[in-house]
Amino acid sequence: MSKEPSLNSYLYFETVARRGTLSKAAVELSVSPSAVSQQIKLLEQQMGLRLFRRDGRRLSLTLEGEQLFQASSSAIRILRDARRDLGKIHEGRRLSIRASPSFGVRWLGPRLADFVERFPEWDLRVDAAPDATDFDREVMDVDIRYGAGDWPGLSSIPVIEDVIIPLVSPDYLKHLHRTCETPEQMITKARLINSARTVVQWSAWLSRNGFDPALDTRTMLIDRSSMALQMAADGAGAVLESLALTAGLVDSGALVPMLPQFPALRYDAYWLVCPNRHLQRRAVRVFHDWLRGQAVAHTLTVDRILDINGIKSVTTDISQSTAPGSTRMT
């Protein structure tokens, strides 16, 4: 083998092998058939191999040609895909998002069909993971995080206001009403389910509503919100959870408010989080605007649920409920 063949030679070879004739390859490459022929001859000389058998105008690959075609077609496809992907990144049409599994399944996932319909040409990657992105080590555009909004070194934009209320299954509520006469008795009787990743725990809810925090004695601590919600829906106890995750369950009647006479806690719950430099990306700006629109519709749904059940709400500051810089994704 003499001089190393150029990438252009491999491109010409792959096109001829795929199209079967010099003339068809020339049309695809927008050059003359003689130019294609010269490139093929040069490639065969440089490799010291015969790559084609010639039968009139028709060309067929030799064994060596078959091997080179498999390798070259794969390499050219990778390069073309990379060029396409880089173009989409440059044009702001590629987006990677990380959200927790519970939020991804119960809130974000059902709404993404709208995003895909609006932006059908985009490449969208959604990573459902409980751990926050390390933007210094991982390739991700944005996180949607749950918490108080304090993540040092990152930009945090509130996007979804949420509401916390105690929820139980209808049968569990009937059981409590049969055996209890006061809210205090209901709290004492109920098995309280704490979702480990929820900012507002039962002890905090009890204190804010004038109950003795010591009533929080029969609790279960569940690591995942989805599991906590399922346990409540199955009648295992009362869960204190976000309507972002439970609106569908409440609408379907699988869960009902346990104590509607007490106000719901309203707060900035979900944040768009990323390095400040990512805010300049068109994809991030477009996603933020779309997410805000979805959040407005979500707020209307939450307000409707509260109105139907006669529940008032109070806006609260949860910054003291989450340690600064902690990452809670529920």
Protein backbone atom coordinates (compact mmCIF):
# COMPACT_ATOMS: atom_id res chain seq x y z
CA MET A 1 0.00 0.00 0.00
CA SER A 2 1.34 3.41 -0.96
CA LYS A 3 -0.18 6.72 0.04
CA GLU A 4 -3.06 6.63 2.53
CA PRO A 5 -6.36 7.03 0.63
CA SER A 6 -8.35 10.20 1.23
CA LEU A 7 -11.77 10.27 2.88
CA ASN A 8 -13.14 11.46 -0.45
CA SER A 9 -11.93 8.25 -2.10
CA TYR A 10 -13.84 6.16 0.43
CA LEU A 11 -16.95 8.27 -0.17
CA TYR A 12 -16.73 7.69 -3.94
CA PHE A 13 -16.12 3.97 -3.40
CA GLU A 14 -19.09 3.59 -1.04
CA THR A 15 -21.39 5.39 -3.47
CA VAL A 16 -20.32 3.25 -6.45
CA ALA A 17 -20.64 0.04 -4.44
CA ARG A 18 -24.11 1.04 -3.27
CA ARG A 19 -25.42 2.30 -6.64
CA GLY A 20 -23.75 -0.37 -8.80
CA THR A 21 -22.61 1.81 -11.73
CA LEU A 22 -20.29 4.75 -12.25
CA SER A 23 -23.01 6.81 -13.91
CA LYS A 24 -25.51 6.45 -11.05
CA ALA A 25 -22.78 7.23 -8.52
CA ALA A 26 -21.77 10.29 -10.55
CA VAL A 27 -25.35 11.63 -10.48
CA GLU A 28 -25.55 11.23 -6.69
CA LEU A 29 -22.14 12.85 -6.18
CA SER A 30 -22.82 15.61 -8.75
CA VAL A 31 -19.60 14.89 -10.68
CA SER A 32 -18.75 13.29 -14.02
CA PRO A 33 -18.48 9.50 -14.43
CA SER A 34 -14.83 9.92 -15.43
CA ALA A 35 -14.11 11.70 -12.14
CA VAL A 36 -15.66 8.79 -10.25
CA SER A 37 -13.67 6.29 -12.31
CA GLN A 38 -10.42 8.11 -11.58
CA GLN A 39 -11.11 8.07 -7.82
CA ILE A 40 -11.83 4.33 -7.86
CA LYS A 41 -8.68 3.56 -9.85
CA LEU A 42 -6.62 5.73 -7.49
CA LEU A 43 -8.10 3.97 -4.45
CA GLU A 44 -7.31 0.53 -5.88
CA GLN A 45 -3.75 1.63 -6.63
CA GLN A 46 -3.23 3.08 -3.17
CA MET A 47 -4.60 -0.03 -1.46
CA GLY A 48 -2.95 -2.47 -3.85
CA LEU A 49 -6.25 -4.34 -4.15
CA ARG A 50 -8.86 -4.98 -6.78
CA LEU A 51 -12.16 -3.79 -5.36
CA PHE A 52 -14.54 -4.27 -8.30
CA ARG A 53 -15.19 -6.80 -11.04
CA ARG A 54 -16.25 -5.09 -14.24
CA ASP A 55 -18.98 -6.61 -16.41
CA GLY A 56 -19.66 -4.01 -19.07
CA ARG A 57 -21.11 -1.00 -17.29
CA ARG A 58 -22.10 -3.06 -14.28
CA LEU A 59 -19.71 -3.33 -11.34
CA SER A 60 -19.68 -6.00 -8.65
CA LEU A 61 -17.58 -6.13 -5.53
CA THR A 62 -14.69 -8.50 -4.98
CA LEU A 63 -14.27 -10.17 -1.60
CA GLU A 64 -11.90 -7.38 -0.56
CA GLY A 65 -14.37 -4.84 -1.93
CA GLU A 66 -17.19 -6.35 0.15
CA GLN A 67 -15.13 -6.01 3.32
CA LEU A 68 -14.19 -2.43 2.53
CA PHE A 69 -17.79 -1.57 1.65
CA GLN A 70 -19.08 -2.81 5.00
CA ALA A 71 -16.47 -0.78 6.87
CA SER A 72 -16.75 2.36 4.75
CA SER A 73 -20.56 2.44 4.68
CA SER A 74 -20.65 2.11 8.47
CA ALA A 75 -18.08 4.88 8.93
CA ILE A 76 -19.82 7.22 6.48
CA ARG A 77 -23.17 6.61 8.18
CA ILE A 78 -21.63 7.51 11.55
CA LEU A 79 -20.19 10.70 10.09
CA ARG A 80 -23.49 11.66 8.48
CA ASP A 81 -25.38 11.03 11.71
CA ALA A 82 -22.84 13.12 13.61
CA ARG A 83 -23.18 15.95 11.11
CA ARG A 84 -26.97 15.81 11.42
CA ASP A 85 -26.82 15.79 15.22
CA LEU A 86 -24.34 18.65 15.32
CA GLY A 87 -26.59 20.59 13.00
CA LYS A 88 -29.54 20.07 15.31
CA ILE A 89 -27.50 21.20 18.30
CA HIS A 90 -26.42 24.30 16.38
CA GLU A 91 -30.00 25.02 15.35
CA GLY A 92 -31.28 24.45 18.89
CA ARG A 93 -33.32 21.36 17.97
CA ARG A 94 -31.80 18.85 20.34
CA LEU A 95 -32.78 18.73 24.01
CA SER A 96 -31.83 16.51 26.94
CA ILE A 97 -33.83 16.68 30.18
CA ARG A 98 -33.47 14.93 33.50
CA ALA A 99 -36.38 14.50 35.89
CA SER A 100 -37.18 12.10 38.69
CA PRO A 101 -39.01 8.87 37.82
CA SER A 102 -42.16 9.85 39.74
CA PHE A 103 -42.40 13.31 38.20
CA GLY A 104 -41.47 11.98 34.79
CA VAL A 105 -44.19 9.32 34.81
CA ARG A 106 -46.98 11.24 36.53
CA TRP A 107 -46.53 14.83 35.31
CA LEU A 108 -43.98 15.34 32.56
CA GLY A 109 -44.54 12.18 30.53
CA PRO A 110 -48.25 12.68 29.82
CA ARG A 111 -47.52 16.20 28.57
CA LEU A 112 -44.55 15.45 26.33
CA ALA A 113 -46.81 14.35 23.49
CA ASP A 114 -47.79 18.01 23.17
CA PHE A 115 -44.13 19.05 23.00
CA VAL A 116 -43.34 16.43 20.37
CA GLU A 117 -46.36 17.50 18.32
CA ARG A 118 -45.25 21.13 18.45
CA PHE A 119 -41.61 20.33 17.65
CA PRO A 120 -41.66 17.13 15.56
CA GLU A 121 -38.15 17.64 14.15
CA TRP A 122 -36.47 17.83 17.54
CA ASP A 123 -34.34 15.10 19.04
CA LEU A 124 -35.59 14.72 22.61
CA ARG A 125 -33.90 12.74 25.37
CA VAL A 126 -35.57 12.33 28.75
CA ASP A 127 -33.52 10.76 31.53
CA ALA A 128 -35.71 9.60 34.43
CA ALA A 129 -33.29 9.33 37.34
CA PRO A 130 -33.55 10.09 41.07
CA ASP A 131 -30.14 11.78 41.20
CA ALA A 132 -29.48 15.31 40.01
CA THR A 133 -27.21 15.95 37.05
CA ASP A 134 -23.56 16.71 37.64
CA PHE A 135 -23.29 19.29 34.87
CA ASP A 136 -19.49 19.25 35.06
CA ARG A 137 -19.40 15.56 34.16
CA GLU A 138 -22.64 14.73 32.36
CA VAL A 139 -24.11 15.87 29.05
CA MET A 140 -27.52 17.28 29.95
CA ASP A 141 -29.26 20.54 29.06
CA VAL A 142 -31.52 20.93 32.09
CA ASP A 143 -32.87 19.27 35.21
CA ILE A 144 -36.37 19.62 36.57
CA ARG A 145 -35.76 19.51 40.31
CA TYR A 146 -38.05 19.47 43.31
CA GLY A 147 -37.15 21.54 46.34
CA ALA A 148 -36.55 25.04 47.65
CA GLY A 149 -34.62 26.30 44.63
CA ASP A 150 -31.22 26.73 46.26
CA TRP A 151 -28.55 24.88 44.30
CA PRO A 152 -25.24 26.77 44.52
CA GLY A 153 -23.50 27.47 41.25
CA LEU A 154 -26.60 26.78 39.16
CA SER A 155 -29.45 28.86 37.81
CA SER A 156 -32.80 27.86 39.33
CA ILE A 157 -36.01 29.11 37.71
CA PRO A 158 -39.35 28.32 39.39
CA VAL A 159 -41.63 26.74 36.82
CA ILE A 160 -44.33 24.81 38.67
CA GLU A 161 -46.16 25.99 41.77
CA ASP A 162 -47.61 23.09 43.66
CA VAL A 163 -49.93 22.19 46.50
CA ILE A 164 -49.59 19.67 49.33
CA ILE A 165 -52.64 18.03 50.94
CA PRO A 166 -53.25 14.84 52.97
CA LEU A 167 -54.78 12.13 50.78
CA VAL A 168 -56.35 8.74 51.47
CA SER A 169 -58.35 6.14 49.59
CA PRO A 170 -62.17 6.52 49.73
CA ASP A 171 -62.55 3.33 51.79
CA TYR A 172 -59.86 4.44 54.23
CA LEU A 173 -61.64 7.78 54.69
CA LYS A 174 -64.93 6.00 55.39
CA HIS A 175 -63.16 3.88 58.00
CA LEU A 176 -61.75 6.99 59.70
CA HIS A 177 -65.15 8.71 59.70
CA ARG A 178 -66.77 5.65 61.27
CA THR A 179 -64.25 5.44 64.10
CA CYS A 180 -63.26 9.09 64.68
CA GLU A 181 -65.15 12.24 65.65
CA THR A 182 -62.44 14.91 65.42
CA PRO A 183 -59.49 15.70 63.14
CA GLU A 184 -57.17 14.96 66.06
CA GLN A 185 -58.65 11.50 66.38
CA MET A 186 -58.31 10.95 62.64
CA ILE A 187 -54.64 11.93 62.76
CA THR A 188 -54.06 9.66 65.75
CA LYS A 189 -55.94 6.76 64.18
CA ALA A 190 -54.46 7.03 60.68
CA ARG A 191 -51.27 5.40 59.56
CA LEU A 192 -49.29 8.36 58.24
CA ILE A 193 -47.18 7.74 55.14
CA ASN A 194 -44.15 9.97 54.69
CA SER A 195 -42.54 10.10 51.27
CA ALA A 196 -38.84 10.53 52.00
CA ARG A 197 -38.35 12.96 49.11
CA THR A 198 -41.27 15.27 49.85
CA VAL A 199 -40.19 18.64 51.23
CA VAL A 200 -43.13 18.95 53.67
CA GLN A 201 -43.29 15.99 56.04
CA TRP A 202 -46.18 15.09 58.33
CA SER A 203 -44.52 16.60 61.41
CA ALA A 204 -44.24 19.97 59.65
CA TRP A 205 -47.82 19.80 58.37
CA LEU A 206 -49.11 19.04 61.88
CA SER A 207 -47.20 21.98 63.38
CA ARG A 208 -48.39 24.41 60.69
CA ASN A 209 -52.01 23.41 61.28
CA GLY A 210 -51.98 23.63 65.08
CA PHE A 211 -51.70 19.94 65.86
CA ASP A 212 -49.32 18.47 68.38
CA PRO A 213 -46.35 17.15 66.35
CA ALA A 214 -46.24 14.28 68.83
CA LEU A 215 -49.31 12.89 67.04
CA ASP A 216 -46.90 11.85 64.31
CA THR A 217 -46.28 8.49 65.97
CA ARG A 218 -47.67 5.91 63.53
CA THR A 219 -45.67 6.69 60.41
CA MET A 220 -44.15 4.80 57.53
CA LEU A 221 -41.21 6.29 55.64
CA ILE A 222 -41.24 5.36 51.95
CA ASP A 223 -38.28 6.11 49.70
CA ARG A 224 -40.24 6.68 46.48
CA SER A 225 -43.24 8.93 45.92
CA SER A 226 -44.84 6.47 43.50
CA MET A 227 -44.74 3.72 46.11
CA ALA A 228 -46.13 6.02 48.81
CA LEU A 229 -49.01 7.03 46.54
CA GLN A 230 -49.79 3.45 45.60
CA MET A 231 -49.84 2.41 49.25
CA ALA A 232 -52.29 5.21 50.05
CA ALA A 233 -54.49 4.27 47.07
CA ASP A 234 -54.47 0.67 48.33
CA GLY A 235 -55.74 1.80 51.74
CA ALA A 236 -52.53 1.47 53.73
CA GLY A 237 -52.71 4.96 55.24
CA ALA A 238 -52.70 8.71 54.63
CA VAL A 239 -50.06 10.26 52.40
CA LEU A 240 -48.99 13.91 52.35
CA GLU A 241 -48.19 14.55 48.72
CA SER A 242 -47.93 16.95 45.84
CA LEU A 243 -50.91 17.48 43.55
CA ALA A 244 -48.44 17.54 40.67
CA LEU A 245 -48.11 13.81 41.23
CA THR A 246 -51.64 13.07 42.42
CA ALA A 247 -54.03 15.23 40.36
CA GLY A 248 -54.85 12.28 38.11
CA LEU A 249 -55.45 9.98 41.08
CA VAL A 250 -57.71 12.58 42.73
CA ASP A 251 -59.64 13.19 39.50
CA SER A 252 -60.20 9.45 39.09
CA GLY A 253 -61.35 9.07 42.70
CA ALA A 254 -58.51 6.73 43.66
CA LEU A 255 -57.44 9.26 46.32
CA VAL A 256 -59.55 11.82 48.19
CA PRO A 257 -58.66 14.69 50.56
CA MET A 258 -58.50 13.48 54.15
CA LEU A 259 -58.98 16.82 55.95
CA PRO A 260 -60.44 19.36 53.49
CA GLN A 261 -61.20 21.80 56.30
CA PHE A 262 -57.47 22.53 56.65
CA PRO A 263 -55.68 24.71 54.09
CA ALA A 264 -53.43 23.22 51.48
CA LEU A 265 -49.81 24.37 51.41
CA ARG A 266 -48.94 26.15 48.16
CA TYR A 267 -45.33 26.78 47.20
CA ASP A 268 -42.79 26.90 44.37
CA ALA A 269 -42.02 23.21 44.05
CA TYR A 270 -40.39 22.40 40.73
CA TRP A 271 -37.49 24.28 39.23
CA LEU A 272 -35.70 24.36 35.91
CA VAL A 273 -32.06 23.96 36.93
CA CYS A 274 -28.93 24.28 34.80
CA PRO A 275 -25.63 26.16 34.56
CA ASN A 276 -26.17 29.80 33.67
CA ARG A 277 -24.50 29.29 30.28
CA HIS A 278 -27.20 26.79 29.28
CA LEU A 279 -29.85 29.51 29.51
CA GLN A 280 -28.45 30.94 26.28
CA ARG A 281 -29.30 27.76 24.38
CA ARG A 282 -32.33 28.08 22.15
CA ALA A 283 -33.53 24.59 23.08
CA VAL A 284 -33.54 25.47 26.78
CA ARG A 285 -35.40 28.72 26.19
CA VAL A 286 -38.03 27.00 24.05
CA PHE A 287 -38.48 24.21 26.59
CA HIS A 288 -38.79 26.71 29.44
CA ASP A 289 -41.54 28.62 27.63
CA TRP A 290 -43.40 25.40 26.84
CA LEU A 291 -43.03 24.19 30.44
CA ARG A 292 -44.44 27.44 31.80
CA GLY A 293 -47.49 27.04 29.58
CA GLN A 294 -48.03 23.53 30.89
CA ALA A 295 -47.58 24.79 34.44
CA VAL A 296 -50.34 27.38 33.98
CA ALA A 297 -52.72 24.64 32.84
CA HIS A 298 -51.64 22.50 35.81
CA THR A 299 -52.40 25.34 38.23
CA LEU A 300 -55.92 25.62 36.81
CA THR A 301 -56.39 21.88 37.38
CA VAL A 302 -55.14 22.15 40.96
CA ASP A 303 -57.40 25.14 41.68
CA ARG A 304 -60.38 23.20 40.32
CA ILE A 305 -59.60 20.25 42.61
CA LEU A 306 -59.33 22.55 45.60
CA ASP A 307 -62.58 24.36 44.74
CA ILE A 308 -64.53 21.13 44.27
CA ASN A 309 -63.40 19.91 47.68
CA GLY A 310 -63.83 23.26 49.42
CA ILE A 311 -60.14 23.49 50.27
CA LYS A 312 -58.45 26.84 50.75
CA SER A 313 -54.73 27.23 50.23
CA VAL A 314 -51.96 29.26 51.80
CA THR A 315 -48.68 30.18 50.17
CA THR A 316 -45.76 29.05 52.27
CA ASP A 317 -41.98 29.36 52.25
CA ILE A 318 -40.40 25.93 52.23
CA SER A 319 -36.82 27.17 52.13
CA GLN A 320 -36.32 26.07 55.72
CA SER A 321 -37.65 22.59 54.99
CA THR A 322 -34.84 21.71 52.65
CA ALA A 323 -31.17 22.04 53.47
CA PRO A 324 -29.45 24.62 51.25
CA GLY A 325 -28.01 23.04 48.16
CA SER A 326 -29.75 19.75 48.75
CA THR A 327 -31.15 17.96 45.77
CA ARG A 328 -34.63 16.55 46.21
CA MET A 329 -36.19 15.13 43.09
CA THR A 330 -39.59 13.58 43.78
